[in-house]
Amino acid sequence: MDVELSGLQPQVQHAGRGDRVARTREAIVASTLTLAMEGEVAPIVRDIAKLAGVSARTVFQHFADTAELYVAVLGRVLGTLIGDPAANSKGALDERIALAIGQRAGRYEKLLPMWTFVETLQRRSSEADEKVHLLYTTNREQIAQCFGEELTALPGDSRERTLNAVAMALTPESWIVLRERLGLTVEQAREEWRFIIKAVFTDGSAYR
């Protein structure tokens, strides 16, 4: 029995250390995300460490540099957005438009305070650019699923153009233009989106 216990002990210690490492890393990522959400384009290590309750040296024990840390933060945010299920592909067109818009409005409103952080990181890091590209790809795939009935009824070229038009309308940049550049409220921005998507599917004879 003693042999069995002694054999397990190193594993228990390793697991405990692993948990501490994971918690510290999580605190660093969460603190960086908090600063980015407050509008910091490039949160500095001193502020990250203070918020996480660790030393600056500890930050660099978990991440090679700030670029790697920022990419981890971006992955956390985009992973949550991409992980959302696609809107229901059943039901009336108006219902599906409302679902698709509601889902994306919620997603992109979360990104709004830190979009400059995202754009800046995307320009500086190919890995970050790939993560953002995946967001757009997933968005397009989910739109194709949501409005499959309408898209299938169109000929091939028109189908692609219509899908591209809807996917382009429902991007983070589109939401940011409506909210920040035009100063619309969340409800006003949602209504503008609804008008555009409804027009594409009901008045979009040019795509046929």
N, C-alpha and C. Protein backbone atom coordinates (compact mmCIF):
# COMPACT_ATOMS: atom_id res chain seq x y z
N MET A 1 0.82 -1.20 0.00
CA MET A 1 0.00 0.00 0.00
C MET A 1 0.86 1.26 0.00
N ASP A 2 1.94 1.22 0.81
CA ASP A 2 2.82 2.38 0.87
C ASP A 2 3.43 2.66 -0.49
N VAL A 3 3.74 1.60 -1.21
CA VAL A 3 4.34 1.77 -2.52
C VAL A 3 3.36 2.47 -3.46
N GLU A 4 2.10 2.05 -3.41
CA GLU A 4 1.09 2.64 -4.28
C GLU A 4 0.91 4.12 -3.99
N LEU A 5 0.86 4.49 -2.71
CA LEU A 5 0.68 5.89 -2.32
C LEU A 5 1.86 6.74 -2.75
N SER A 6 3.05 6.23 -2.55
CA SER A 6 4.23 7.01 -2.92
C SER A 6 4.30 7.19 -4.42
N GLY A 7 3.76 6.21 -5.15
CA GLY A 7 3.76 6.32 -6.59
C GLY A 7 2.81 7.38 -7.09
N LEU A 8 1.73 7.63 -6.35
CA LEU A 8 0.74 8.62 -6.75
C LEU A 8 1.13 10.02 -6.33
N GLN A 9 1.94 10.14 -5.29
CA GLN A 9 2.22 11.45 -4.72
C GLN A 9 2.80 12.44 -5.71
N PRO A 10 3.79 12.12 -6.52
CA PRO A 10 4.33 13.08 -7.48
C PRO A 10 3.27 13.58 -8.46
N GLN A 11 2.33 12.71 -8.84
CA GLN A 11 1.28 13.11 -9.76
C GLN A 11 0.38 14.14 -9.11
N VAL A 12 0.06 13.95 -7.82
CA VAL A 12 -0.78 14.91 -7.10
C VAL A 12 -0.09 16.26 -7.02
N GLN A 13 1.20 16.25 -6.71
CA GLN A 13 1.94 17.49 -6.63
C GLN A 13 2.00 18.19 -7.98
N HIS A 14 2.20 17.40 -9.03
CA HIS A 14 2.27 17.98 -10.37
C HIS A 14 0.94 18.61 -10.76
N ALA A 15 -0.16 17.89 -10.41
CA ALA A 15 -1.49 18.42 -10.74
C ALA A 15 -1.74 19.73 -10.02
N GLY A 16 -1.30 19.79 -8.72
CA GLY A 16 -1.49 21.02 -7.96
C GLY A 16 -0.72 22.16 -8.57
N ARG A 17 0.51 21.90 -8.98
CA ARG A 17 1.32 22.94 -9.62
C ARG A 17 0.70 23.35 -10.94
N GLY A 18 0.19 22.38 -11.68
CA GLY A 18 -0.46 22.68 -12.96
C GLY A 18 -1.66 23.59 -12.77
N ASP A 19 -2.42 23.35 -11.71
CA ASP A 19 -3.58 24.19 -11.43
C ASP A 19 -3.15 25.63 -11.12
N ARG A 20 -2.08 25.77 -10.36
CA ARG A 20 -1.59 27.12 -10.03
C ARG A 20 -1.11 27.84 -11.28
N VAL A 21 -0.40 27.12 -12.13
CA VAL A 21 0.07 27.71 -13.38
C VAL A 21 -1.11 28.16 -14.23
N ALA A 22 -2.13 27.31 -14.33
CA ALA A 22 -3.31 27.63 -15.13
C ALA A 22 -4.04 28.84 -14.57
N ARG A 23 -4.15 28.90 -13.24
CA ARG A 23 -4.84 30.03 -12.61
C ARG A 23 -4.08 31.34 -12.83
N THR A 24 -2.76 31.27 -12.73
CA THR A 24 -1.96 32.48 -12.95
C THR A 24 -2.07 32.94 -14.40
N ARG A 25 -1.97 32.01 -15.31
CA ARG A 25 -2.09 32.35 -16.73
C ARG A 25 -3.46 32.96 -17.01
N GLU A 26 -4.50 32.37 -16.44
CA GLU A 26 -5.86 32.88 -16.63
C GLU A 26 -5.99 34.30 -16.09
N ALA A 27 -5.37 34.55 -14.93
CA ALA A 27 -5.43 35.89 -14.33
C ALA A 27 -4.76 36.91 -15.24
N ILE A 28 -3.66 36.53 -15.84
CA ILE A 28 -2.93 37.44 -16.74
C ILE A 28 -3.76 37.73 -17.99
N VAL A 29 -4.32 36.69 -18.58
CA VAL A 29 -5.15 36.87 -19.78
C VAL A 29 -6.38 37.71 -19.46
N ALA A 30 -7.04 37.39 -18.34
CA ALA A 30 -8.25 38.13 -17.95
C ALA A 30 -7.94 39.60 -17.69
N SER A 31 -6.81 39.88 -17.06
CA SER A 31 -6.43 41.26 -16.76
C SER A 31 -6.13 42.04 -18.05
N THR A 32 -5.46 41.38 -18.99
CA THR A 32 -5.17 42.02 -20.27
C THR A 32 -6.47 42.31 -21.02
N LEU A 33 -7.38 41.37 -20.98
CA LEU A 33 -8.68 41.55 -21.63
C LEU A 33 -9.44 42.71 -21.00
N THR A 34 -9.40 42.82 -19.69
CA THR A 34 -10.07 43.92 -19.01
C THR A 34 -9.53 45.26 -19.47
N LEU A 35 -8.22 45.36 -19.58
CA LEU A 35 -7.61 46.62 -20.03
C LEU A 35 -7.96 46.91 -21.48
N ALA A 36 -7.98 45.87 -22.31
CA ALA A 36 -8.36 46.06 -23.72
C ALA A 36 -9.81 46.53 -23.82
N MET A 37 -10.67 45.97 -22.98
CA MET A 37 -12.08 46.36 -22.97
C MET A 37 -12.27 47.79 -22.49
N GLU A 38 -11.29 48.30 -21.75
CA GLU A 38 -11.33 49.69 -21.29
C GLU A 38 -10.77 50.65 -22.33
N GLY A 39 -10.36 50.09 -23.48
CA GLY A 39 -9.89 50.94 -24.57
C GLY A 39 -8.40 50.99 -24.76
N GLU A 40 -7.65 50.22 -23.97
CA GLU A 40 -6.19 50.19 -24.13
C GLU A 40 -5.83 49.45 -25.41
N VAL A 41 -5.16 50.12 -26.32
CA VAL A 41 -4.79 49.49 -27.60
C VAL A 41 -3.64 48.50 -27.40
N ALA A 42 -2.73 48.83 -26.50
CA ALA A 42 -1.58 47.96 -26.21
C ALA A 42 -1.32 47.99 -24.71
N PRO A 43 -2.08 47.25 -23.92
CA PRO A 43 -1.90 47.25 -22.47
C PRO A 43 -0.45 46.94 -22.10
N ILE A 44 0.10 47.70 -21.16
CA ILE A 44 1.49 47.50 -20.78
C ILE A 44 1.60 46.47 -19.66
N VAL A 45 2.74 45.80 -19.62
CA VAL A 45 2.94 44.69 -18.69
C VAL A 45 2.77 45.14 -17.24
N ARG A 46 3.26 46.32 -16.92
CA ARG A 46 3.15 46.80 -15.53
C ARG A 46 1.69 46.83 -15.07
N ASP A 47 0.81 47.34 -15.94
CA ASP A 47 -0.61 47.43 -15.58
C ASP A 47 -1.27 46.06 -15.56
N ILE A 48 -0.86 45.21 -16.50
CA ILE A 48 -1.40 43.85 -16.54
C ILE A 48 -1.04 43.10 -15.27
N ALA A 49 0.23 43.17 -14.90
CA ALA A 49 0.71 42.46 -13.71
C ALA A 49 0.02 42.97 -12.45
N LYS A 50 -0.13 44.28 -12.32
CA LYS A 50 -0.77 44.85 -11.14
C LYS A 50 -2.20 44.37 -11.02
N LEU A 51 -2.92 44.37 -12.12
CA LEU A 51 -4.31 43.95 -12.11
C LEU A 51 -4.44 42.46 -11.81
N ALA A 52 -3.48 41.68 -12.31
CA ALA A 52 -3.51 40.22 -12.10
C ALA A 52 -2.98 39.82 -10.73
N GLY A 53 -2.32 40.76 -10.04
CA GLY A 53 -1.76 40.45 -8.74
C GLY A 53 -0.48 39.63 -8.81
N VAL A 54 0.28 39.84 -9.89
CA VAL A 54 1.54 39.13 -10.06
C VAL A 54 2.63 40.14 -10.41
N SER A 55 3.84 39.66 -10.55
CA SER A 55 4.94 40.53 -10.95
C SER A 55 5.05 40.56 -12.47
N ALA A 56 5.72 41.58 -12.98
CA ALA A 56 5.96 41.65 -14.43
C ALA A 56 6.79 40.45 -14.88
N ARG A 57 7.69 40.01 -14.03
CA ARG A 57 8.52 38.84 -14.37
C ARG A 57 7.64 37.61 -14.55
N THR A 58 6.62 37.48 -13.72
CA THR A 58 5.72 36.33 -13.83
C THR A 58 4.98 36.33 -15.16
N VAL A 59 4.60 37.52 -15.62
CA VAL A 59 3.92 37.62 -16.92
C VAL A 59 4.79 37.01 -18.01
N PHE A 60 6.07 37.33 -17.98
CA PHE A 60 6.97 36.84 -19.02
C PHE A 60 7.40 35.39 -18.80
N GLN A 61 7.08 34.84 -17.63
CA GLN A 61 7.29 33.41 -17.42
C GLN A 61 6.20 32.59 -18.12
N HIS A 62 5.07 33.23 -18.36
CA HIS A 62 3.94 32.55 -19.00
C HIS A 62 3.80 32.89 -20.47
N PHE A 63 4.34 34.03 -20.88
CA PHE A 63 4.24 34.47 -22.27
C PHE A 63 5.59 35.01 -22.73
N ALA A 64 5.98 34.62 -23.92
CA ALA A 64 7.30 35.02 -24.43
C ALA A 64 7.40 36.53 -24.57
N ASP A 65 6.31 37.17 -24.98
CA ASP A 65 6.29 38.62 -25.14
C ASP A 65 4.83 39.08 -25.14
N THR A 66 4.63 40.39 -25.23
CA THR A 66 3.26 40.90 -25.18
C THR A 66 2.46 40.47 -26.41
N ALA A 67 3.12 40.30 -27.55
CA ALA A 67 2.41 39.87 -28.75
C ALA A 67 1.75 38.52 -28.52
N GLU A 68 2.47 37.60 -27.91
CA GLU A 68 1.91 36.28 -27.63
C GLU A 68 0.74 36.38 -26.66
N LEU A 69 0.86 37.26 -25.67
CA LEU A 69 -0.21 37.48 -24.71
C LEU A 69 -1.44 38.07 -25.39
N TYR A 70 -1.22 39.07 -26.23
CA TYR A 70 -2.35 39.70 -26.92
C TYR A 70 -3.09 38.70 -27.81
N VAL A 71 -2.33 37.84 -28.48
CA VAL A 71 -2.95 36.83 -29.34
C VAL A 71 -3.79 35.86 -28.51
N ALA A 72 -3.31 35.53 -27.31
CA ALA A 72 -4.07 34.65 -26.42
C ALA A 72 -5.38 35.32 -26.01
N VAL A 73 -5.31 36.62 -25.75
CA VAL A 73 -6.52 37.37 -25.39
C VAL A 73 -7.49 37.40 -26.57
N LEU A 74 -6.97 37.66 -27.75
CA LEU A 74 -7.81 37.69 -28.94
C LEU A 74 -8.46 36.33 -29.17
N GLY A 75 -7.68 35.27 -29.00
CA GLY A 75 -8.22 33.93 -29.16
C GLY A 75 -9.35 33.65 -28.19
N ARG A 76 -9.21 34.15 -26.97
CA ARG A 76 -10.26 33.98 -25.96
C ARG A 76 -11.55 34.65 -26.40
N VAL A 77 -11.44 35.88 -26.85
CA VAL A 77 -12.63 36.64 -27.25
C VAL A 77 -13.28 36.05 -28.49
N LEU A 78 -12.48 35.83 -29.53
CA LEU A 78 -13.03 35.33 -30.78
C LEU A 78 -13.52 33.89 -30.64
N GLY A 79 -12.85 33.12 -29.80
CA GLY A 79 -13.29 31.74 -29.57
C GLY A 79 -14.69 31.70 -28.99
N THR A 80 -14.99 32.63 -28.10
CA THR A 80 -16.32 32.71 -27.52
C THR A 80 -17.35 33.08 -28.59
N LEU A 81 -17.00 34.03 -29.44
CA LEU A 81 -17.93 34.47 -30.48
C LEU A 81 -18.16 33.37 -31.51
N ILE A 82 -17.08 32.73 -31.95
CA ILE A 82 -17.19 31.68 -32.96
C ILE A 82 -17.93 30.47 -32.40
N GLY A 83 -17.81 30.26 -31.09
CA GLY A 83 -18.45 29.11 -30.48
C GLY A 83 -19.96 29.23 -30.35
N ASP A 84 -20.51 30.42 -30.55
CA ASP A 84 -21.95 30.58 -30.50
C ASP A 84 -22.62 29.75 -31.57
N PRO A 85 -23.75 29.10 -31.26
CA PRO A 85 -24.44 28.31 -32.29
C PRO A 85 -25.04 29.19 -33.37
N ALA A 86 -25.19 28.64 -34.56
CA ALA A 86 -25.81 29.38 -35.65
C ALA A 86 -27.29 29.59 -35.36
N ALA A 87 -27.85 30.67 -35.90
CA ALA A 87 -29.27 30.93 -35.73
C ALA A 87 -30.07 29.82 -36.41
N ASN A 88 -31.27 29.60 -35.92
CA ASN A 88 -32.14 28.57 -36.45
C ASN A 88 -32.40 28.77 -37.94
N SER A 89 -32.33 27.68 -38.70
CA SER A 89 -32.57 27.77 -40.14
C SER A 89 -34.03 27.50 -40.50
N LYS A 90 -34.87 27.31 -39.48
CA LYS A 90 -36.29 27.06 -39.70
C LYS A 90 -37.10 28.30 -39.34
N GLY A 91 -38.32 28.33 -39.82
CA GLY A 91 -39.21 29.43 -39.47
C GLY A 91 -39.31 30.47 -40.56
N ALA A 92 -40.15 31.47 -40.30
CA ALA A 92 -40.37 32.53 -41.27
C ALA A 92 -39.10 33.36 -41.46
N LEU A 93 -38.98 33.99 -42.64
CA LEU A 93 -37.80 34.78 -42.94
C LEU A 93 -37.59 35.88 -41.92
N ASP A 94 -38.63 36.60 -41.56
CA ASP A 94 -38.51 37.69 -40.58
C ASP A 94 -37.96 37.19 -39.24
N GLU A 95 -38.40 36.01 -38.84
CA GLU A 95 -37.93 35.44 -37.57
C GLU A 95 -36.44 35.11 -37.65
N ARG A 96 -36.03 34.54 -38.77
CA ARG A 96 -34.61 34.18 -38.93
C ARG A 96 -33.73 35.41 -39.05
N ILE A 97 -34.23 36.45 -39.70
CA ILE A 97 -33.47 37.70 -39.78
C ILE A 97 -33.29 38.27 -38.37
N ALA A 98 -34.35 38.26 -37.59
CA ALA A 98 -34.27 38.79 -36.22
C ALA A 98 -33.28 37.99 -35.37
N LEU A 99 -33.29 36.67 -35.53
CA LEU A 99 -32.37 35.82 -34.77
C LEU A 99 -30.92 36.07 -35.17
N ALA A 100 -30.68 36.12 -36.48
CA ALA A 100 -29.31 36.34 -36.97
C ALA A 100 -28.77 37.69 -36.52
N ILE A 101 -29.61 38.71 -36.59
CA ILE A 101 -29.20 40.05 -36.19
C ILE A 101 -28.98 40.12 -34.68
N GLY A 102 -29.91 39.54 -33.93
CA GLY A 102 -29.77 39.58 -32.48
C GLY A 102 -28.50 38.92 -31.99
N GLN A 103 -28.16 37.80 -32.61
CA GLN A 103 -26.95 37.09 -32.24
C GLN A 103 -25.70 37.92 -32.52
N ARG A 104 -25.63 38.49 -33.72
CA ARG A 104 -24.44 39.25 -34.09
C ARG A 104 -24.35 40.59 -33.38
N ALA A 105 -25.46 41.22 -33.14
CA ALA A 105 -25.44 42.47 -32.39
C ALA A 105 -24.86 42.24 -31.00
N GLY A 106 -25.25 41.12 -30.38
CA GLY A 106 -24.71 40.80 -29.07
C GLY A 106 -23.22 40.51 -29.13
N ARG A 107 -22.81 39.76 -30.16
CA ARG A 107 -21.39 39.44 -30.33
C ARG A 107 -20.55 40.70 -30.50
N TYR A 108 -20.96 41.53 -31.44
CA TYR A 108 -20.12 42.66 -31.84
C TYR A 108 -20.17 43.80 -30.84
N GLU A 109 -21.24 43.88 -30.08
CA GLU A 109 -21.29 44.90 -29.03
C GLU A 109 -20.22 44.62 -27.99
N LYS A 110 -19.93 43.32 -27.76
CA LYS A 110 -18.86 42.96 -26.83
C LYS A 110 -17.49 43.39 -27.37
N LEU A 111 -17.35 43.34 -28.69
CA LEU A 111 -16.08 43.71 -29.31
C LEU A 111 -15.87 45.21 -29.41
N LEU A 112 -16.95 45.97 -29.35
CA LEU A 112 -16.92 47.40 -29.63
C LEU A 112 -15.82 48.14 -28.86
N PRO A 113 -15.70 47.97 -27.53
CA PRO A 113 -14.68 48.74 -26.81
C PRO A 113 -13.25 48.39 -27.16
N MET A 114 -13.04 47.19 -27.71
CA MET A 114 -11.67 46.74 -27.95
C MET A 114 -11.38 46.52 -29.42
N TRP A 115 -12.20 47.08 -30.32
CA TRP A 115 -11.99 46.81 -31.74
C TRP A 115 -10.69 47.41 -32.25
N THR A 116 -10.28 48.56 -31.74
CA THR A 116 -9.00 49.14 -32.15
C THR A 116 -7.85 48.22 -31.75
N PHE A 117 -7.96 47.61 -30.57
CA PHE A 117 -6.98 46.63 -30.12
C PHE A 117 -6.91 45.47 -31.10
N VAL A 118 -8.09 44.97 -31.54
CA VAL A 118 -8.16 43.85 -32.47
C VAL A 118 -7.53 44.21 -33.81
N GLU A 119 -7.90 45.37 -34.35
CA GLU A 119 -7.38 45.79 -35.66
C GLU A 119 -5.87 46.01 -35.62
N THR A 120 -5.39 46.61 -34.55
CA THR A 120 -3.96 46.85 -34.42
C THR A 120 -3.19 45.54 -34.34
N LEU A 121 -3.69 44.61 -33.54
CA LEU A 121 -3.03 43.32 -33.40
C LEU A 121 -3.08 42.53 -34.70
N GLN A 122 -4.19 42.65 -35.42
CA GLN A 122 -4.35 41.94 -36.69
C GLN A 122 -3.30 42.38 -37.69
N ARG A 123 -2.98 43.67 -37.69
CA ARG A 123 -1.97 44.18 -38.62
C ARG A 123 -0.56 43.72 -38.24
N ARG A 124 -0.34 43.47 -36.98
CA ARG A 124 1.00 43.16 -36.50
C ARG A 124 1.30 41.66 -36.40
N SER A 125 0.26 40.84 -36.40
CA SER A 125 0.46 39.42 -36.16
C SER A 125 -0.31 38.59 -37.18
N SER A 126 0.40 37.71 -37.87
CA SER A 126 -0.26 36.83 -38.84
C SER A 126 -1.18 35.84 -38.13
N GLU A 127 -0.79 35.44 -36.92
CA GLU A 127 -1.63 34.52 -36.16
C GLU A 127 -2.94 35.19 -35.76
N ALA A 128 -2.85 36.45 -35.36
CA ALA A 128 -4.06 37.19 -35.02
C ALA A 128 -4.94 37.39 -36.25
N ASP A 129 -4.30 37.67 -37.38
CA ASP A 129 -5.04 37.84 -38.63
C ASP A 129 -5.80 36.57 -39.00
N GLU A 130 -5.19 35.43 -38.78
CA GLU A 130 -5.84 34.15 -39.06
C GLU A 130 -7.05 33.94 -38.16
N LYS A 131 -6.93 34.35 -36.90
CA LYS A 131 -8.05 34.20 -35.96
C LYS A 131 -9.22 35.09 -36.37
N VAL A 132 -8.93 36.31 -36.78
CA VAL A 132 -10.00 37.22 -37.22
C VAL A 132 -10.63 36.68 -38.51
N HIS A 133 -9.79 36.17 -39.41
CA HIS A 133 -10.31 35.60 -40.65
C HIS A 133 -11.27 34.45 -40.36
N LEU A 134 -10.97 33.65 -39.35
CA LEU A 134 -11.85 32.55 -38.98
C LEU A 134 -13.21 33.07 -38.51
N LEU A 135 -13.21 34.20 -37.83
CA LEU A 135 -14.48 34.81 -37.41
C LEU A 135 -15.35 35.13 -38.61
N TYR A 136 -14.74 35.71 -39.65
CA TYR A 136 -15.49 36.08 -40.85
C TYR A 136 -15.96 34.82 -41.61
N THR A 137 -15.09 33.83 -41.67
CA THR A 137 -15.46 32.60 -42.35
C THR A 137 -16.63 31.92 -41.66
N THR A 138 -16.56 31.85 -40.34
CA THR A 138 -17.63 31.24 -39.56
C THR A 138 -18.92 32.03 -39.71
N ASN A 139 -18.81 33.35 -39.70
CA ASN A 139 -19.98 34.20 -39.88
C ASN A 139 -20.67 33.90 -41.20
N ARG A 140 -19.89 33.79 -42.27
CA ARG A 140 -20.45 33.52 -43.59
C ARG A 140 -21.11 32.14 -43.64
N GLU A 141 -20.46 31.15 -43.04
CA GLU A 141 -21.01 29.80 -43.03
C GLU A 141 -22.33 29.75 -42.26
N GLN A 142 -22.41 30.46 -41.15
CA GLN A 142 -23.63 30.45 -40.36
C GLN A 142 -24.76 31.19 -41.07
N ILE A 143 -24.41 32.25 -41.79
CA ILE A 143 -25.43 32.97 -42.57
C ILE A 143 -25.96 32.07 -43.68
N ALA A 144 -25.07 31.32 -44.32
CA ALA A 144 -25.49 30.40 -45.38
C ALA A 144 -26.44 29.35 -44.83
N GLN A 145 -26.19 28.91 -43.61
CA GLN A 145 -27.06 27.92 -42.98
C GLN A 145 -28.40 28.54 -42.60
N CYS A 146 -28.35 29.72 -42.01
CA CYS A 146 -29.56 30.38 -41.54
C CYS A 146 -30.53 30.69 -42.68
N PHE A 147 -29.97 31.15 -43.81
CA PHE A 147 -30.82 31.56 -44.94
C PHE A 147 -30.68 30.59 -46.11
N GLY A 148 -30.47 29.32 -45.78
CA GLY A 148 -30.30 28.32 -46.81
C GLY A 148 -31.48 28.20 -47.76
N GLU A 149 -32.69 28.34 -47.22
CA GLU A 149 -33.89 28.21 -48.06
C GLU A 149 -33.91 29.27 -49.16
N GLU A 150 -33.63 30.51 -48.79
CA GLU A 150 -33.65 31.60 -49.76
C GLU A 150 -32.47 31.50 -50.74
N LEU A 151 -31.31 31.12 -50.23
CA LEU A 151 -30.12 31.06 -51.07
C LEU A 151 -30.20 29.90 -52.07
N THR A 152 -30.74 28.79 -51.63
CA THR A 152 -30.85 27.63 -52.51
C THR A 152 -31.75 27.92 -53.71
N ALA A 153 -32.72 28.79 -53.52
CA ALA A 153 -33.66 29.11 -54.60
C ALA A 153 -33.03 29.98 -55.69
N LEU A 154 -31.82 30.48 -55.44
CA LEU A 154 -31.16 31.35 -56.41
C LEU A 154 -30.19 30.56 -57.27
N PRO A 155 -29.95 31.02 -58.50
CA PRO A 155 -28.92 30.38 -59.33
C PRO A 155 -27.54 30.60 -58.72
N GLY A 156 -26.57 29.76 -59.10
CA GLY A 156 -25.26 29.74 -58.47
C GLY A 156 -24.59 31.07 -58.25
N ASP A 157 -24.40 31.86 -59.30
CA ASP A 157 -23.69 33.13 -59.19
C ASP A 157 -24.46 34.11 -58.32
N SER A 158 -25.78 34.15 -58.50
CA SER A 158 -26.60 35.04 -57.69
C SER A 158 -26.60 34.62 -56.23
N ARG A 159 -26.53 33.31 -56.00
CA ARG A 159 -26.49 32.80 -54.63
C ARG A 159 -25.25 33.30 -53.90
N GLU A 160 -24.11 33.22 -54.58
CA GLU A 160 -22.86 33.66 -53.97
C GLU A 160 -22.86 35.16 -53.72
N ARG A 161 -23.35 35.92 -54.67
CA ARG A 161 -23.38 37.38 -54.51
C ARG A 161 -24.32 37.79 -53.38
N THR A 162 -25.45 37.12 -53.29
CA THR A 162 -26.39 37.44 -52.22
C THR A 162 -25.81 37.08 -50.86
N LEU A 163 -25.19 35.91 -50.77
CA LEU A 163 -24.55 35.50 -49.52
C LEU A 163 -23.45 36.47 -49.14
N ASN A 164 -22.65 36.90 -50.10
CA ASN A 164 -21.58 37.86 -49.83
C ASN A 164 -22.15 39.19 -49.33
N ALA A 165 -23.27 39.62 -49.93
CA ALA A 165 -23.88 40.88 -49.54
C ALA A 165 -24.36 40.84 -48.09
N VAL A 166 -25.00 39.73 -47.71
CA VAL A 166 -25.50 39.60 -46.33
C VAL A 166 -24.33 39.48 -45.35
N ALA A 167 -23.33 38.66 -45.73
CA ALA A 167 -22.17 38.48 -44.85
C ALA A 167 -21.41 39.79 -44.66
N MET A 168 -21.32 40.59 -45.72
CA MET A 168 -20.63 41.87 -45.63
C MET A 168 -21.39 42.84 -44.73
N ALA A 169 -22.73 42.78 -44.82
CA ALA A 169 -23.55 43.68 -43.99
C ALA A 169 -23.43 43.33 -42.51
N LEU A 170 -23.30 42.05 -42.20
CA LEU A 170 -23.30 41.60 -40.80
C LEU A 170 -21.88 41.35 -40.29
N THR A 171 -20.99 42.32 -40.52
CA THR A 171 -19.61 42.22 -40.03
C THR A 171 -19.42 43.12 -38.81
N PRO A 172 -18.35 42.89 -38.03
CA PRO A 172 -18.05 43.79 -36.92
C PRO A 172 -17.88 45.24 -37.37
N GLU A 173 -17.21 45.45 -38.52
CA GLU A 173 -17.01 46.82 -39.00
C GLU A 173 -18.33 47.52 -39.28
N SER A 174 -19.26 46.79 -39.85
CA SER A 174 -20.58 47.35 -40.13
C SER A 174 -21.25 47.80 -38.84
N TRP A 175 -21.18 46.96 -37.83
CA TRP A 175 -21.79 47.30 -36.54
C TRP A 175 -21.10 48.52 -35.92
N ILE A 176 -19.80 48.58 -36.02
CA ILE A 176 -19.04 49.69 -35.44
C ILE A 176 -19.36 51.00 -36.17
N VAL A 177 -19.50 50.94 -37.49
CA VAL A 177 -19.89 52.14 -38.25
C VAL A 177 -21.24 52.65 -37.76
N LEU A 178 -22.19 51.76 -37.63
CA LEU A 178 -23.53 52.16 -37.19
C LEU A 178 -23.52 52.72 -35.77
N ARG A 179 -22.77 52.08 -34.88
CA ARG A 179 -22.78 52.46 -33.47
C ARG A 179 -21.90 53.67 -33.17
N GLU A 180 -20.68 53.67 -33.74
CA GLU A 180 -19.73 54.72 -33.37
C GLU A 180 -19.67 55.85 -34.39
N ARG A 181 -19.62 55.52 -35.66
CA ARG A 181 -19.50 56.57 -36.68
C ARG A 181 -20.82 57.32 -36.88
N LEU A 182 -21.92 56.58 -36.90
CA LEU A 182 -23.23 57.20 -37.09
C LEU A 182 -23.95 57.51 -35.78
N GLY A 183 -23.42 56.99 -34.69
CA GLY A 183 -23.96 57.31 -33.37
C GLY A 183 -25.32 56.72 -33.07
N LEU A 184 -25.64 55.59 -33.70
CA LEU A 184 -26.95 54.98 -33.47
C LEU A 184 -26.96 54.19 -32.16
N THR A 185 -28.14 54.06 -31.58
CA THR A 185 -28.29 53.20 -30.42
C THR A 185 -28.25 51.74 -30.88
N VAL A 186 -28.18 50.82 -29.93
CA VAL A 186 -28.19 49.40 -30.27
C VAL A 186 -29.44 49.05 -31.05
N GLU A 187 -30.59 49.53 -30.59
CA GLU A 187 -31.85 49.21 -31.28
C GLU A 187 -31.91 49.83 -32.67
N GLN A 188 -31.42 51.04 -32.80
CA GLN A 188 -31.40 51.68 -34.12
C GLN A 188 -30.47 50.94 -35.08
N ALA A 189 -29.32 50.51 -34.59
CA ALA A 189 -28.37 49.77 -35.42
C ALA A 189 -28.97 48.43 -35.84
N ARG A 190 -29.64 47.77 -34.92
CA ARG A 190 -30.30 46.50 -35.26
C ARG A 190 -31.36 46.72 -36.34
N GLU A 191 -32.10 47.81 -36.23
CA GLU A 191 -33.14 48.09 -37.22
C GLU A 191 -32.54 48.38 -38.59
N GLU A 192 -31.41 49.06 -38.62
CA GLU A 192 -30.74 49.30 -39.91
C GLU A 192 -30.31 47.98 -40.54
N TRP A 193 -29.75 47.11 -39.75
CA TRP A 193 -29.38 45.79 -40.25
C TRP A 193 -30.60 45.05 -40.79
N ARG A 194 -31.69 45.08 -40.02
CA ARG A 194 -32.91 44.38 -40.45
C ARG A 194 -33.38 44.92 -41.80
N PHE A 195 -33.35 46.23 -41.97
CA PHE A 195 -33.77 46.85 -43.23
C PHE A 195 -32.91 46.37 -44.40
N ILE A 196 -31.60 46.31 -44.18
CA ILE A 196 -30.68 45.90 -45.24
C ILE A 196 -30.90 44.45 -45.64
N ILE A 197 -30.95 43.56 -44.64
CA ILE A 197 -31.08 42.13 -44.93
C ILE A 197 -32.44 41.83 -45.55
N LYS A 198 -33.47 42.47 -45.03
CA LYS A 198 -34.80 42.29 -45.60
C LYS A 198 -34.83 42.73 -47.06
N ALA A 199 -34.17 43.84 -47.35
CA ALA A 199 -34.14 44.36 -48.72
C ALA A 199 -33.40 43.40 -49.65
N VAL A 200 -32.32 42.81 -49.17
CA VAL A 200 -31.56 41.88 -50.01
C VAL A 200 -32.42 40.70 -50.43
N PHE A 201 -33.18 40.16 -49.50
CA PHE A 201 -33.94 38.95 -49.79
C PHE A 201 -35.30 39.20 -50.42
N THR A 202 -35.88 40.36 -50.18
CA THR A 202 -37.22 40.60 -50.72
C THR A 202 -37.23 41.54 -51.91
N ASP A 203 -36.23 42.43 -51.97
CA ASP A 203 -36.16 43.39 -53.09
C ASP A 203 -34.92 43.19 -53.95
N GLY A 204 -34.18 42.12 -53.67
CA GLY A 204 -32.91 41.95 -54.35
C GLY A 204 -33.02 41.28 -55.71
N SER A 205 -33.90 41.79 -56.54
CA SER A 205 -34.07 41.19 -57.87
C SER A 205 -32.80 41.29 -58.70
N ALA A 206 -31.93 42.26 -58.34
CA ALA A 206 -30.67 42.44 -59.11
C ALA A 206 -29.75 41.24 -58.92
N TYR A 207 -29.96 40.48 -57.83
CA TYR A 207 -29.10 39.33 -57.57
C TYR A 207 -29.61 38.07 -58.25
N ARG A 208 -30.77 38.16 -58.86
CA ARG A 208 -31.39 36.96 -59.47
C ARG A 208 -30.92 36.78 -60.90
